[in-house]
N, C-alpha and C. Protein backbone atom coordinates (compact mmCIF):
# COMPACT_ATOMS: atom_id res chain seq x y z
N MET A 1 -37.16 -55.39 17.23
CA MET A 1 -35.85 -54.97 17.69
C MET A 1 -34.78 -55.62 16.81
N ILE A 2 -33.84 -54.81 16.35
CA ILE A 2 -32.75 -55.32 15.52
C ILE A 2 -31.69 -55.94 16.43
N LEU A 3 -31.36 -57.19 16.17
CA LEU A 3 -30.41 -57.92 16.99
C LEU A 3 -29.05 -57.98 16.29
N PRO A 4 -27.95 -58.08 17.05
CA PRO A 4 -26.65 -58.25 16.41
C PRO A 4 -26.50 -59.64 15.81
N VAL A 5 -25.95 -59.68 14.62
CA VAL A 5 -25.68 -60.95 13.94
C VAL A 5 -24.34 -61.48 14.42
N VAL A 6 -24.32 -62.74 14.82
CA VAL A 6 -23.09 -63.37 15.32
C VAL A 6 -22.13 -63.61 14.17
N ALA A 7 -20.88 -63.22 14.34
CA ALA A 7 -19.88 -63.33 13.29
C ALA A 7 -19.19 -64.70 13.29
N TYR A 8 -18.62 -65.00 12.13
CA TYR A 8 -17.81 -66.21 11.95
C TYR A 8 -16.80 -66.35 13.09
N GLY A 9 -16.67 -67.56 13.58
CA GLY A 9 -15.72 -67.83 14.67
C GLY A 9 -16.39 -68.04 16.01
N ASP A 10 -17.66 -67.62 16.13
CA ASP A 10 -18.38 -67.85 17.38
C ASP A 10 -18.79 -69.32 17.46
N PRO A 11 -18.54 -69.98 18.60
CA PRO A 11 -18.86 -71.41 18.72
C PRO A 11 -20.32 -71.75 18.47
N VAL A 12 -21.25 -70.79 18.70
CA VAL A 12 -22.67 -71.10 18.52
C VAL A 12 -22.97 -71.47 17.06
N LEU A 13 -22.17 -70.98 16.12
CA LEU A 13 -22.40 -71.26 14.71
C LEU A 13 -21.97 -72.67 14.32
N LYS A 14 -21.24 -73.35 15.18
CA LYS A 14 -20.76 -74.70 14.88
C LYS A 14 -21.46 -75.77 15.71
N LYS A 15 -22.47 -75.36 16.49
CA LYS A 15 -23.22 -76.31 17.32
C LYS A 15 -24.46 -76.79 16.58
N GLU A 16 -24.82 -78.05 16.80
CA GLU A 16 -26.09 -78.55 16.30
C GLU A 16 -27.19 -78.03 17.23
N ALA A 17 -28.15 -77.33 16.67
CA ALA A 17 -29.19 -76.68 17.46
C ALA A 17 -30.21 -77.68 17.98
N VAL A 18 -30.95 -77.28 19.01
CA VAL A 18 -31.92 -78.18 19.66
C VAL A 18 -33.34 -77.79 19.28
N GLU A 19 -34.23 -78.76 19.31
CA GLU A 19 -35.65 -78.51 19.02
C GLU A 19 -36.29 -77.71 20.15
N ILE A 20 -37.35 -77.02 19.80
CA ILE A 20 -38.11 -76.27 20.80
C ILE A 20 -39.56 -76.74 20.78
N ASP A 21 -40.34 -76.30 21.78
CA ASP A 21 -41.77 -76.64 21.80
C ASP A 21 -42.58 -75.35 21.87
N GLU A 22 -43.90 -75.50 21.95
CA GLU A 22 -44.79 -74.35 21.90
C GLU A 22 -44.64 -73.44 23.12
N GLN A 23 -43.99 -73.92 24.18
CA GLN A 23 -43.80 -73.10 25.38
C GLN A 23 -42.51 -72.28 25.34
N TYR A 24 -41.81 -72.33 24.23
CA TYR A 24 -40.57 -71.56 24.16
C TYR A 24 -40.89 -70.08 24.43
N PRO A 25 -40.18 -69.46 25.37
CA PRO A 25 -40.57 -68.10 25.81
C PRO A 25 -40.43 -67.05 24.71
N ASP A 26 -41.46 -66.22 24.60
CA ASP A 26 -41.46 -65.06 23.70
C ASP A 26 -41.10 -65.42 22.26
N LEU A 27 -41.61 -66.55 21.78
CA LEU A 27 -41.25 -67.02 20.45
C LEU A 27 -41.72 -66.05 19.37
N GLN A 28 -42.93 -65.54 19.47
CA GLN A 28 -43.43 -64.64 18.42
C GLN A 28 -42.61 -63.36 18.36
N LYS A 29 -42.19 -62.85 19.51
CA LYS A 29 -41.33 -61.66 19.51
C LYS A 29 -39.97 -61.98 18.89
N LEU A 30 -39.44 -63.15 19.21
CA LEU A 30 -38.17 -63.56 18.63
C LEU A 30 -38.26 -63.62 17.11
N ILE A 31 -39.33 -64.21 16.60
CA ILE A 31 -39.51 -64.32 15.15
C ILE A 31 -39.61 -62.93 14.52
N ALA A 32 -40.40 -62.04 15.14
CA ALA A 32 -40.52 -60.68 14.63
C ALA A 32 -39.17 -59.96 14.64
N ASP A 33 -38.39 -60.13 15.71
CA ASP A 33 -37.07 -59.52 15.80
C ASP A 33 -36.13 -60.09 14.74
N MET A 34 -36.25 -61.37 14.46
CA MET A 34 -35.40 -61.99 13.44
C MET A 34 -35.72 -61.42 12.06
N PHE A 35 -37.00 -61.26 11.75
CA PHE A 35 -37.36 -60.65 10.46
C PHE A 35 -36.83 -59.22 10.37
N GLU A 36 -36.99 -58.44 11.44
CA GLU A 36 -36.49 -57.07 11.43
C GLU A 36 -34.98 -57.04 11.25
N THR A 37 -34.28 -57.94 11.92
CA THR A 37 -32.82 -58.04 11.81
C THR A 37 -32.41 -58.42 10.40
N MET A 38 -33.10 -59.40 9.83
CA MET A 38 -32.78 -59.87 8.48
C MET A 38 -32.99 -58.77 7.45
N TYR A 39 -34.11 -58.06 7.53
CA TYR A 39 -34.38 -57.00 6.57
C TYR A 39 -33.37 -55.86 6.71
N HIS A 40 -33.03 -55.52 7.95
CA HIS A 40 -32.05 -54.45 8.17
C HIS A 40 -30.70 -54.81 7.54
N ALA A 41 -30.35 -56.09 7.59
CA ALA A 41 -29.07 -56.54 7.03
C ALA A 41 -29.17 -56.91 5.55
N LYS A 42 -30.37 -56.76 4.98
CA LYS A 42 -30.60 -57.05 3.56
C LYS A 42 -30.32 -58.52 3.23
N GLY A 43 -30.76 -59.41 4.12
CA GLY A 43 -30.60 -60.84 3.90
C GLY A 43 -31.88 -61.45 3.36
N VAL A 44 -31.78 -62.70 2.92
CA VAL A 44 -32.96 -63.45 2.46
C VAL A 44 -33.27 -64.61 3.40
N GLY A 45 -32.44 -64.80 4.40
CA GLY A 45 -32.66 -65.86 5.39
C GLY A 45 -31.87 -65.56 6.64
N LEU A 46 -32.36 -66.07 7.77
CA LEU A 46 -31.64 -65.89 9.04
C LEU A 46 -32.01 -67.05 9.95
N ALA A 47 -31.00 -67.69 10.50
CA ALA A 47 -31.22 -68.80 11.43
C ALA A 47 -30.94 -68.35 12.85
N ALA A 48 -31.64 -68.97 13.81
CA ALA A 48 -31.50 -68.57 15.20
C ALA A 48 -30.05 -68.59 15.71
N PRO A 49 -29.21 -69.58 15.32
CA PRO A 49 -27.82 -69.52 15.79
C PRO A 49 -27.09 -68.25 15.38
N GLN A 50 -27.54 -67.61 14.30
CA GLN A 50 -26.90 -66.38 13.85
C GLN A 50 -27.20 -65.18 14.75
N ILE A 51 -28.17 -65.34 15.65
CA ILE A 51 -28.41 -64.30 16.65
C ILE A 51 -28.11 -64.86 18.04
N GLY A 52 -27.32 -65.94 18.07
CA GLY A 52 -26.81 -66.47 19.33
C GLY A 52 -27.70 -67.47 20.04
N LYS A 53 -28.77 -67.94 19.37
CA LYS A 53 -29.68 -68.90 20.00
C LYS A 53 -29.59 -70.24 19.27
N SER A 54 -29.12 -71.24 19.98
CA SER A 54 -28.90 -72.56 19.37
C SER A 54 -30.18 -73.39 19.39
N ILE A 55 -31.18 -72.90 18.63
CA ILE A 55 -32.46 -73.60 18.52
C ILE A 55 -32.79 -73.81 17.04
N ARG A 56 -33.66 -74.81 16.79
CA ARG A 56 -33.94 -75.20 15.40
C ARG A 56 -35.07 -74.31 14.84
N LEU A 57 -34.67 -73.13 14.44
CA LEU A 57 -35.59 -72.12 13.92
C LEU A 57 -34.86 -71.29 12.88
N PHE A 58 -35.49 -71.11 11.72
CA PHE A 58 -34.97 -70.13 10.77
C PHE A 58 -36.12 -69.51 10.00
N ILE A 59 -35.84 -68.34 9.44
CA ILE A 59 -36.82 -67.60 8.65
C ILE A 59 -36.25 -67.33 7.27
N VAL A 60 -37.13 -67.12 6.30
CA VAL A 60 -36.70 -66.80 4.94
C VAL A 60 -37.68 -65.81 4.32
N ASP A 61 -37.17 -64.99 3.42
CA ASP A 61 -38.00 -64.14 2.56
C ASP A 61 -37.22 -63.93 1.28
N GLY A 62 -37.66 -64.57 0.22
CA GLY A 62 -36.93 -64.54 -1.05
C GLY A 62 -37.17 -63.31 -1.89
N SER A 63 -38.05 -62.39 -1.46
CA SER A 63 -38.39 -61.26 -2.34
C SER A 63 -37.20 -60.36 -2.67
N PRO A 64 -36.29 -60.04 -1.72
CA PRO A 64 -35.12 -59.24 -2.12
C PRO A 64 -34.26 -59.98 -3.13
N PHE A 65 -34.18 -61.30 -3.01
CA PHE A 65 -33.42 -62.12 -3.95
C PHE A 65 -34.02 -62.00 -5.34
N ALA A 66 -35.35 -62.05 -5.42
CA ALA A 66 -36.04 -61.96 -6.71
C ALA A 66 -35.79 -60.60 -7.35
N ASP A 67 -35.74 -59.53 -6.54
CA ASP A 67 -35.53 -58.19 -7.07
C ASP A 67 -34.17 -58.05 -7.73
N GLU A 68 -33.20 -58.86 -7.29
CA GLU A 68 -31.84 -58.77 -7.82
C GLU A 68 -31.66 -59.55 -9.12
N GLU A 69 -32.63 -60.39 -9.46
CA GLU A 69 -32.48 -61.23 -10.64
C GLU A 69 -32.55 -60.40 -11.92
N ASP A 70 -31.98 -60.91 -12.99
CA ASP A 70 -32.01 -60.24 -14.29
C ASP A 70 -33.44 -60.18 -14.82
N ASP A 71 -33.62 -59.35 -15.84
CA ASP A 71 -34.94 -59.23 -16.46
C ASP A 71 -35.40 -60.54 -17.10
N GLU A 72 -34.43 -61.31 -17.58
CA GLU A 72 -34.78 -62.59 -18.21
C GLU A 72 -35.31 -63.54 -17.13
N PRO A 73 -36.48 -64.16 -17.35
CA PRO A 73 -37.02 -65.09 -16.34
C PRO A 73 -36.11 -66.29 -16.13
N ASP A 74 -35.92 -66.65 -14.90
CA ASP A 74 -35.08 -67.78 -14.53
C ASP A 74 -35.98 -68.82 -13.88
N PRO A 75 -36.09 -70.02 -14.45
CA PRO A 75 -36.99 -71.03 -13.87
C PRO A 75 -36.65 -71.37 -12.43
N LYS A 76 -35.39 -71.23 -12.03
CA LYS A 76 -35.01 -71.54 -10.65
C LYS A 76 -35.54 -70.51 -9.66
N ALA A 77 -35.91 -69.32 -10.17
CA ALA A 77 -36.40 -68.25 -9.30
C ALA A 77 -37.92 -68.17 -9.27
N GLU A 78 -38.59 -69.11 -9.90
CA GLU A 78 -40.05 -69.05 -9.99
C GLU A 78 -40.69 -69.06 -8.59
N GLY A 79 -41.52 -68.06 -8.35
CA GLY A 79 -42.25 -67.99 -7.09
C GLY A 79 -41.45 -67.47 -5.91
N ILE A 80 -40.18 -67.13 -6.12
CA ILE A 80 -39.33 -66.75 -4.99
C ILE A 80 -39.79 -65.44 -4.35
N GLU A 81 -40.48 -64.58 -5.14
CA GLU A 81 -40.91 -63.29 -4.59
C GLU A 81 -42.02 -63.45 -3.55
N HIS A 82 -42.67 -64.62 -3.52
CA HIS A 82 -43.73 -64.88 -2.53
C HIS A 82 -43.28 -65.88 -1.46
N PHE A 83 -41.99 -66.04 -1.33
CA PHE A 83 -41.43 -67.08 -0.47
C PHE A 83 -41.01 -66.48 0.87
N LYS A 84 -41.97 -66.26 1.77
CA LYS A 84 -41.69 -65.75 3.11
C LYS A 84 -42.24 -66.76 4.10
N LYS A 85 -41.36 -67.35 4.92
CA LYS A 85 -41.80 -68.43 5.80
C LYS A 85 -40.97 -68.49 7.07
N VAL A 86 -41.57 -69.14 8.06
CA VAL A 86 -40.91 -69.46 9.31
C VAL A 86 -40.83 -70.98 9.41
N PHE A 87 -39.65 -71.49 9.70
CA PHE A 87 -39.43 -72.94 9.82
C PHE A 87 -39.01 -73.25 11.26
N ILE A 88 -39.84 -74.02 11.97
CA ILE A 88 -39.53 -74.44 13.33
C ILE A 88 -39.35 -75.96 13.35
N ASN A 89 -38.29 -76.43 13.97
CA ASN A 89 -37.97 -77.86 14.05
C ASN A 89 -38.04 -78.54 12.67
N PRO A 90 -37.43 -77.94 11.65
CA PRO A 90 -37.52 -78.53 10.31
C PRO A 90 -36.66 -79.78 10.17
N ILE A 91 -37.09 -80.64 9.27
CA ILE A 91 -36.30 -81.81 8.88
C ILE A 91 -36.32 -81.91 7.36
N ILE A 92 -35.16 -81.86 6.73
CA ILE A 92 -35.10 -82.12 5.30
C ILE A 92 -35.19 -83.63 5.11
N GLU A 93 -36.32 -84.06 4.56
CA GLU A 93 -36.60 -85.49 4.42
C GLU A 93 -35.92 -86.10 3.21
N GLU A 94 -35.72 -85.28 2.18
CA GLU A 94 -35.16 -85.81 0.93
C GLU A 94 -34.57 -84.67 0.12
N GLU A 95 -33.43 -84.92 -0.52
CA GLU A 95 -32.84 -84.01 -1.49
C GLU A 95 -32.67 -84.76 -2.79
N SER A 96 -33.00 -84.12 -3.91
CA SER A 96 -32.95 -84.82 -5.19
C SER A 96 -32.67 -83.83 -6.31
N GLY A 97 -32.62 -84.36 -7.52
CA GLY A 97 -32.37 -83.51 -8.69
C GLY A 97 -30.90 -83.28 -8.92
N ASP A 98 -30.62 -82.60 -10.02
CA ASP A 98 -29.24 -82.30 -10.36
C ASP A 98 -28.64 -81.35 -9.34
N LYS A 99 -27.34 -81.51 -9.09
CA LYS A 99 -26.63 -80.55 -8.25
C LYS A 99 -26.21 -79.37 -9.11
N TRP A 100 -26.28 -78.16 -8.52
CA TRP A 100 -25.89 -76.97 -9.26
C TRP A 100 -25.17 -76.01 -8.33
N ALA A 101 -24.26 -75.28 -8.91
CA ALA A 101 -23.41 -74.35 -8.15
C ALA A 101 -23.96 -72.94 -8.26
N PHE A 102 -23.83 -72.19 -7.17
CA PHE A 102 -24.27 -70.80 -7.15
C PHE A 102 -23.48 -70.08 -6.08
N GLN A 103 -23.19 -68.81 -6.32
CA GLN A 103 -22.44 -68.04 -5.33
C GLN A 103 -23.31 -67.72 -4.12
N GLU A 104 -22.89 -68.17 -2.96
CA GLU A 104 -23.61 -67.90 -1.72
C GLU A 104 -22.81 -66.96 -0.84
N GLY A 105 -23.53 -66.20 -0.05
CA GLY A 105 -22.94 -65.38 0.99
C GLY A 105 -23.66 -65.66 2.29
N CYS A 106 -23.29 -64.97 3.35
CA CYS A 106 -23.89 -65.23 4.66
C CYS A 106 -23.75 -63.98 5.52
N LEU A 107 -24.80 -63.62 6.23
CA LEU A 107 -24.75 -62.44 7.10
C LEU A 107 -23.70 -62.59 8.19
N SER A 108 -23.38 -63.82 8.58
CA SER A 108 -22.35 -64.06 9.60
C SER A 108 -20.94 -64.03 9.02
N ILE A 109 -20.85 -64.01 7.68
CA ILE A 109 -19.56 -64.03 7.00
C ILE A 109 -19.57 -62.93 5.93
N PRO A 110 -19.69 -61.66 6.35
CA PRO A 110 -19.86 -60.58 5.37
C PRO A 110 -18.66 -60.40 4.46
N GLY A 111 -18.97 -60.03 3.21
CA GLY A 111 -17.91 -59.71 2.27
C GLY A 111 -17.32 -60.89 1.53
N ILE A 112 -17.78 -62.09 1.83
CA ILE A 112 -17.25 -63.29 1.16
C ILE A 112 -18.40 -64.01 0.46
N ARG A 113 -18.22 -64.28 -0.82
CA ARG A 113 -19.19 -65.05 -1.59
C ARG A 113 -18.42 -66.11 -2.37
N GLU A 114 -18.89 -67.35 -2.32
CA GLU A 114 -18.22 -68.45 -3.02
C GLU A 114 -19.26 -69.41 -3.59
N ASN A 115 -18.88 -70.12 -4.63
CA ASN A 115 -19.76 -71.11 -5.24
C ASN A 115 -19.95 -72.31 -4.30
N VAL A 116 -21.20 -72.66 -4.10
CA VAL A 116 -21.57 -73.84 -3.30
C VAL A 116 -22.48 -74.71 -4.16
N THR A 117 -22.22 -76.00 -4.18
CA THR A 117 -23.02 -76.93 -4.98
C THR A 117 -24.06 -77.60 -4.08
N ARG A 118 -25.32 -77.53 -4.51
CA ARG A 118 -26.41 -78.11 -3.73
C ARG A 118 -27.40 -78.82 -4.66
N HIS A 119 -28.21 -79.71 -4.07
CA HIS A 119 -29.27 -80.37 -4.82
C HIS A 119 -30.32 -79.37 -5.26
N GLU A 120 -30.95 -79.66 -6.38
CA GLU A 120 -31.92 -78.74 -6.97
C GLU A 120 -33.27 -78.76 -6.25
N LYS A 121 -33.60 -79.87 -5.58
CA LYS A 121 -34.96 -80.05 -5.06
C LYS A 121 -34.89 -80.70 -3.67
N LEU A 122 -35.88 -80.37 -2.82
CA LEU A 122 -35.93 -81.01 -1.50
C LEU A 122 -37.37 -81.15 -1.02
N VAL A 123 -37.53 -82.06 -0.07
CA VAL A 123 -38.79 -82.22 0.67
C VAL A 123 -38.46 -81.92 2.12
N ILE A 124 -39.26 -81.05 2.74
CA ILE A 124 -38.99 -80.64 4.12
C ILE A 124 -40.28 -80.71 4.94
N THR A 125 -40.15 -81.16 6.18
CA THR A 125 -41.26 -81.08 7.14
C THR A 125 -40.87 -80.07 8.21
N TYR A 126 -41.88 -79.34 8.70
CA TYR A 126 -41.60 -78.30 9.70
C TYR A 126 -42.90 -77.80 10.31
N TYR A 127 -42.77 -77.03 11.37
CA TYR A 127 -43.89 -76.31 11.97
C TYR A 127 -43.73 -74.83 11.63
N ASP A 128 -44.86 -74.16 11.36
CA ASP A 128 -44.79 -72.72 11.13
C ASP A 128 -44.94 -71.97 12.44
N GLU A 129 -45.04 -70.65 12.38
CA GLU A 129 -45.09 -69.84 13.59
C GLU A 129 -46.35 -70.05 14.42
N ASN A 130 -47.38 -70.68 13.80
CA ASN A 130 -48.62 -71.01 14.52
C ASN A 130 -48.66 -72.48 14.95
N TRP A 131 -47.54 -73.15 14.83
CA TRP A 131 -47.40 -74.56 15.19
C TRP A 131 -48.30 -75.47 14.34
N VAL A 132 -48.46 -75.06 13.07
CA VAL A 132 -49.13 -75.91 12.09
C VAL A 132 -48.04 -76.71 11.36
N PHE A 133 -48.26 -78.02 11.24
CA PHE A 133 -47.27 -78.89 10.62
C PHE A 133 -47.42 -78.86 9.10
N HIS A 134 -46.28 -78.86 8.40
CA HIS A 134 -46.27 -78.84 6.93
C HIS A 134 -45.28 -79.87 6.40
N GLU A 135 -45.62 -80.42 5.26
CA GLU A 135 -44.65 -81.18 4.45
C GLU A 135 -44.72 -80.59 3.05
N GLU A 136 -43.60 -80.02 2.59
CA GLU A 136 -43.61 -79.28 1.34
C GLU A 136 -42.39 -79.61 0.50
N THR A 137 -42.51 -79.37 -0.79
CA THR A 137 -41.42 -79.58 -1.74
C THR A 137 -41.00 -78.23 -2.31
N TYR A 138 -39.70 -78.00 -2.36
CA TYR A 138 -39.16 -76.77 -2.93
C TYR A 138 -38.06 -77.12 -3.92
N GLU A 139 -37.86 -76.22 -4.88
CA GLU A 139 -36.76 -76.41 -5.82
C GLU A 139 -36.16 -75.07 -6.20
N GLY A 140 -35.05 -75.12 -6.91
CA GLY A 140 -34.40 -73.90 -7.37
C GLY A 140 -33.87 -73.06 -6.23
N TYR A 141 -34.04 -71.72 -6.36
CA TYR A 141 -33.49 -70.81 -5.37
C TYR A 141 -34.13 -70.98 -4.00
N ALA A 142 -35.44 -71.28 -3.97
CA ALA A 142 -36.10 -71.50 -2.69
C ALA A 142 -35.46 -72.67 -1.94
N ALA A 143 -35.19 -73.76 -2.66
CA ALA A 143 -34.53 -74.92 -2.05
C ALA A 143 -33.14 -74.54 -1.56
N ARG A 144 -32.44 -73.74 -2.33
CA ARG A 144 -31.08 -73.34 -1.93
C ARG A 144 -31.10 -72.51 -0.65
N ILE A 145 -32.01 -71.55 -0.56
CA ILE A 145 -32.10 -70.73 0.64
C ILE A 145 -32.38 -71.61 1.86
N ILE A 146 -33.32 -72.55 1.69
CA ILE A 146 -33.64 -73.47 2.79
C ILE A 146 -32.42 -74.29 3.18
N GLN A 147 -31.72 -74.85 2.20
CA GLN A 147 -30.56 -75.68 2.50
C GLN A 147 -29.48 -74.89 3.23
N HIS A 148 -29.29 -73.64 2.83
CA HIS A 148 -28.29 -72.79 3.49
C HIS A 148 -28.67 -72.54 4.95
N GLU A 149 -29.94 -72.18 5.18
CA GLU A 149 -30.38 -71.90 6.55
C GLU A 149 -30.44 -73.18 7.39
N TYR A 150 -30.84 -74.28 6.77
CA TYR A 150 -30.89 -75.57 7.47
C TYR A 150 -29.48 -75.96 7.93
N ASP A 151 -28.49 -75.71 7.09
CA ASP A 151 -27.11 -75.97 7.50
C ASP A 151 -26.78 -75.25 8.81
N HIS A 152 -27.27 -74.02 8.95
CA HIS A 152 -26.97 -73.25 10.17
C HIS A 152 -27.45 -73.98 11.42
N ILE A 153 -28.63 -74.58 11.38
CA ILE A 153 -29.12 -75.25 12.59
C ILE A 153 -28.45 -76.62 12.79
N GLU A 154 -27.68 -77.05 11.79
CA GLU A 154 -26.87 -78.26 11.92
C GLU A 154 -25.43 -77.94 12.30
N GLY A 155 -25.13 -76.66 12.47
CA GLY A 155 -23.77 -76.25 12.82
C GLY A 155 -22.82 -76.23 11.63
N ILE A 156 -23.38 -76.03 10.44
CA ILE A 156 -22.60 -76.04 9.20
C ILE A 156 -22.68 -74.66 8.56
N LEU A 157 -21.55 -74.13 8.09
CA LEU A 157 -21.49 -72.87 7.37
C LEU A 157 -21.21 -73.13 5.90
N PHE A 158 -21.55 -72.17 5.05
CA PHE A 158 -21.33 -72.42 3.63
C PHE A 158 -19.85 -72.60 3.31
N THR A 159 -18.98 -72.04 4.11
CA THR A 159 -17.54 -72.23 3.90
C THR A 159 -17.12 -73.68 4.16
N ASP A 160 -17.91 -74.43 4.91
CA ASP A 160 -17.60 -75.84 5.15
C ASP A 160 -17.76 -76.68 3.89
N HIS A 161 -18.46 -76.15 2.90
CA HIS A 161 -18.66 -76.86 1.64
C HIS A 161 -17.52 -76.61 0.64
N LEU A 162 -16.61 -75.71 0.98
CA LEU A 162 -15.54 -75.34 0.05
C LEU A 162 -14.38 -76.33 0.12
N SER A 163 -13.58 -76.33 -0.92
CA SER A 163 -12.41 -77.21 -0.96
C SER A 163 -11.39 -76.74 0.08
N PRO A 164 -10.52 -77.66 0.55
CA PRO A 164 -9.48 -77.26 1.51
C PRO A 164 -8.61 -76.10 0.99
N LEU A 165 -8.31 -76.11 -0.30
CA LEU A 165 -7.50 -75.03 -0.87
C LEU A 165 -8.23 -73.70 -0.80
N LYS A 166 -9.50 -73.71 -1.18
CA LYS A 166 -10.28 -72.46 -1.15
C LYS A 166 -10.39 -71.94 0.29
N LYS A 167 -10.62 -72.84 1.26
CA LYS A 167 -10.71 -72.41 2.65
C LYS A 167 -9.38 -71.82 3.14
N LYS A 168 -8.29 -72.43 2.69
CA LYS A 168 -6.97 -71.92 3.09
C LYS A 168 -6.76 -70.51 2.55
N LEU A 169 -7.20 -70.28 1.31
CA LEU A 169 -7.06 -68.96 0.71
C LEU A 169 -7.90 -67.90 1.42
N LEU A 170 -8.96 -68.33 2.09
CA LEU A 170 -9.85 -67.40 2.80
C LEU A 170 -9.48 -67.21 4.27
N THR A 171 -8.44 -67.90 4.74
CA THR A 171 -8.12 -67.91 6.17
C THR A 171 -7.98 -66.51 6.75
N LYS A 172 -7.23 -65.65 6.09
CA LYS A 172 -6.99 -64.30 6.62
C LYS A 172 -8.29 -63.50 6.65
N ARG A 173 -9.07 -63.57 5.59
CA ARG A 173 -10.32 -62.80 5.53
C ARG A 173 -11.30 -63.28 6.60
N LEU A 174 -11.36 -64.59 6.81
CA LEU A 174 -12.25 -65.13 7.85
C LEU A 174 -11.77 -64.70 9.24
N GLY A 175 -10.46 -64.69 9.43
CA GLY A 175 -9.90 -64.24 10.70
C GLY A 175 -10.23 -62.78 10.98
N ASN A 176 -10.21 -61.96 9.92
CA ASN A 176 -10.56 -60.55 10.09
C ASN A 176 -12.02 -60.38 10.50
N ILE A 177 -12.89 -61.24 9.98
CA ILE A 177 -14.30 -61.19 10.39
C ILE A 177 -14.43 -61.51 11.86
N THR A 178 -13.72 -62.52 12.32
CA THR A 178 -13.81 -62.95 13.73
C THR A 178 -13.44 -61.81 14.68
N ILE A 179 -12.46 -61.02 14.31
CA ILE A 179 -12.01 -59.94 15.21
C ILE A 179 -12.68 -58.61 14.91
N GLY A 180 -13.56 -58.58 13.91
CA GLY A 180 -14.28 -57.35 13.60
C GLY A 180 -13.51 -56.37 12.74
N ALA A 181 -12.46 -56.84 12.08
CA ALA A 181 -11.66 -55.96 11.22
C ALA A 181 -12.25 -55.91 9.81
N ILE A 182 -13.52 -55.53 9.73
CA ILE A 182 -14.25 -55.47 8.46
C ILE A 182 -15.21 -54.28 8.50
N ASN A 183 -15.65 -53.89 7.33
CA ASN A 183 -16.68 -52.86 7.23
C ASN A 183 -18.01 -53.55 7.00
N VAL A 184 -18.97 -53.27 7.84
CA VAL A 184 -20.28 -53.89 7.73
C VAL A 184 -21.33 -52.87 8.15
N ASP A 185 -22.49 -52.87 7.47
CA ASP A 185 -23.48 -51.83 7.73
C ASP A 185 -24.69 -52.35 8.51
N TYR A 186 -24.48 -53.38 9.34
CA TYR A 186 -25.52 -53.83 10.25
C TYR A 186 -24.88 -54.29 11.55
N LYS A 187 -25.70 -54.45 12.59
CA LYS A 187 -25.19 -54.84 13.91
C LYS A 187 -24.55 -56.22 13.84
N MET A 188 -23.37 -56.34 14.42
CA MET A 188 -22.71 -57.65 14.52
C MET A 188 -22.07 -57.82 15.88
N SER A 189 -21.93 -59.07 16.29
CA SER A 189 -21.22 -59.43 17.51
C SER A 189 -20.03 -60.29 17.10
N PHE A 190 -18.83 -59.85 17.44
CA PHE A 190 -17.61 -60.52 17.00
C PHE A 190 -16.97 -61.30 18.15
N PRO A 191 -16.73 -62.60 17.97
CA PRO A 191 -16.17 -63.40 19.06
C PRO A 191 -14.76 -63.00 19.46
N GLY A 192 -14.00 -62.43 18.52
CA GLY A 192 -12.62 -62.04 18.82
C GLY A 192 -12.49 -60.59 19.21
N HIS A 193 -13.61 -59.93 19.49
CA HIS A 193 -13.61 -58.51 19.84
C HIS A 193 -14.54 -58.33 21.04
N LYS A 194 -14.16 -57.51 21.98
CA LYS A 194 -14.92 -57.41 23.23
C LYS A 194 -16.24 -56.67 23.07
N LYS A 195 -16.36 -55.85 22.05
CA LYS A 195 -17.58 -55.04 21.90
C LYS A 195 -18.33 -55.43 20.63
N GLN A 196 -19.64 -55.26 20.69
CA GLN A 196 -20.45 -55.38 19.48
C GLN A 196 -20.27 -54.13 18.66
N ARG A 197 -20.43 -54.27 17.36
CA ARG A 197 -20.48 -53.08 16.50
C ARG A 197 -21.95 -52.79 16.25
N LEU A 198 -22.43 -51.70 16.79
CA LEU A 198 -23.85 -51.37 16.70
C LEU A 198 -24.05 -50.28 15.66
N ILE A 199 -24.80 -50.61 14.63
CA ILE A 199 -25.05 -49.66 13.54
C ILE A 199 -26.55 -49.53 13.34
C-alpha cells in the first residue's frame, strides 16, 4: 500500500524516534508498504517518520541512484546498485574520512536540492527485517544515503545542515511545501493543509 509522505513542517519530522522490538505490530507489512511508497515516489531512502511513525526504522535502495550516474565510473558509487536494505534500531558507531559535499533532496521536501557536507565513511550497527544483528562499514554514496536517513530518525532534516543565510533564502519555498502549494507526483500529507494530496 502506498502511504502519504509527511511534508516539511510536520512535528513528527523533528522528533527523535524511539526504538522498537520484535513485537512491533505488522512490521513486515509496514516495511513492504514503505518500499512501495519509496519506489512510487522515486526515492532511494525512506525513514519511518516520513510516513508519520516516530520509530527507528528506515529503508534504502540505491539502484535508482546508480541508474542516474554518468557513464564514467565513480568510485563513490561502487556497489550502490546492489544496496537494498532495512535498518531497524540503527546506531552510527563511527564516521570518518574526508568530508564531501553533494546535492541532496528529500521526499518530505520536494523540489529543493542543496549541497550537504558529510563524512565519506561510517560504521553502523543495526537489525535487519529478520532481526539479525549487523555491524557494517559503508562509504561513498551508500554512506551518504544512510546518513541522510539516519538524520530522519534523529529528528534532523537536510535543511538543518544549511547555513542560516541559505535557510533564510528557502523560507518561502519551505512554507509553500508545508501548506501544499507545490506540484508533486506522489501522495503527501501537508501539516498546513487539511487534506492529503492523493496521487
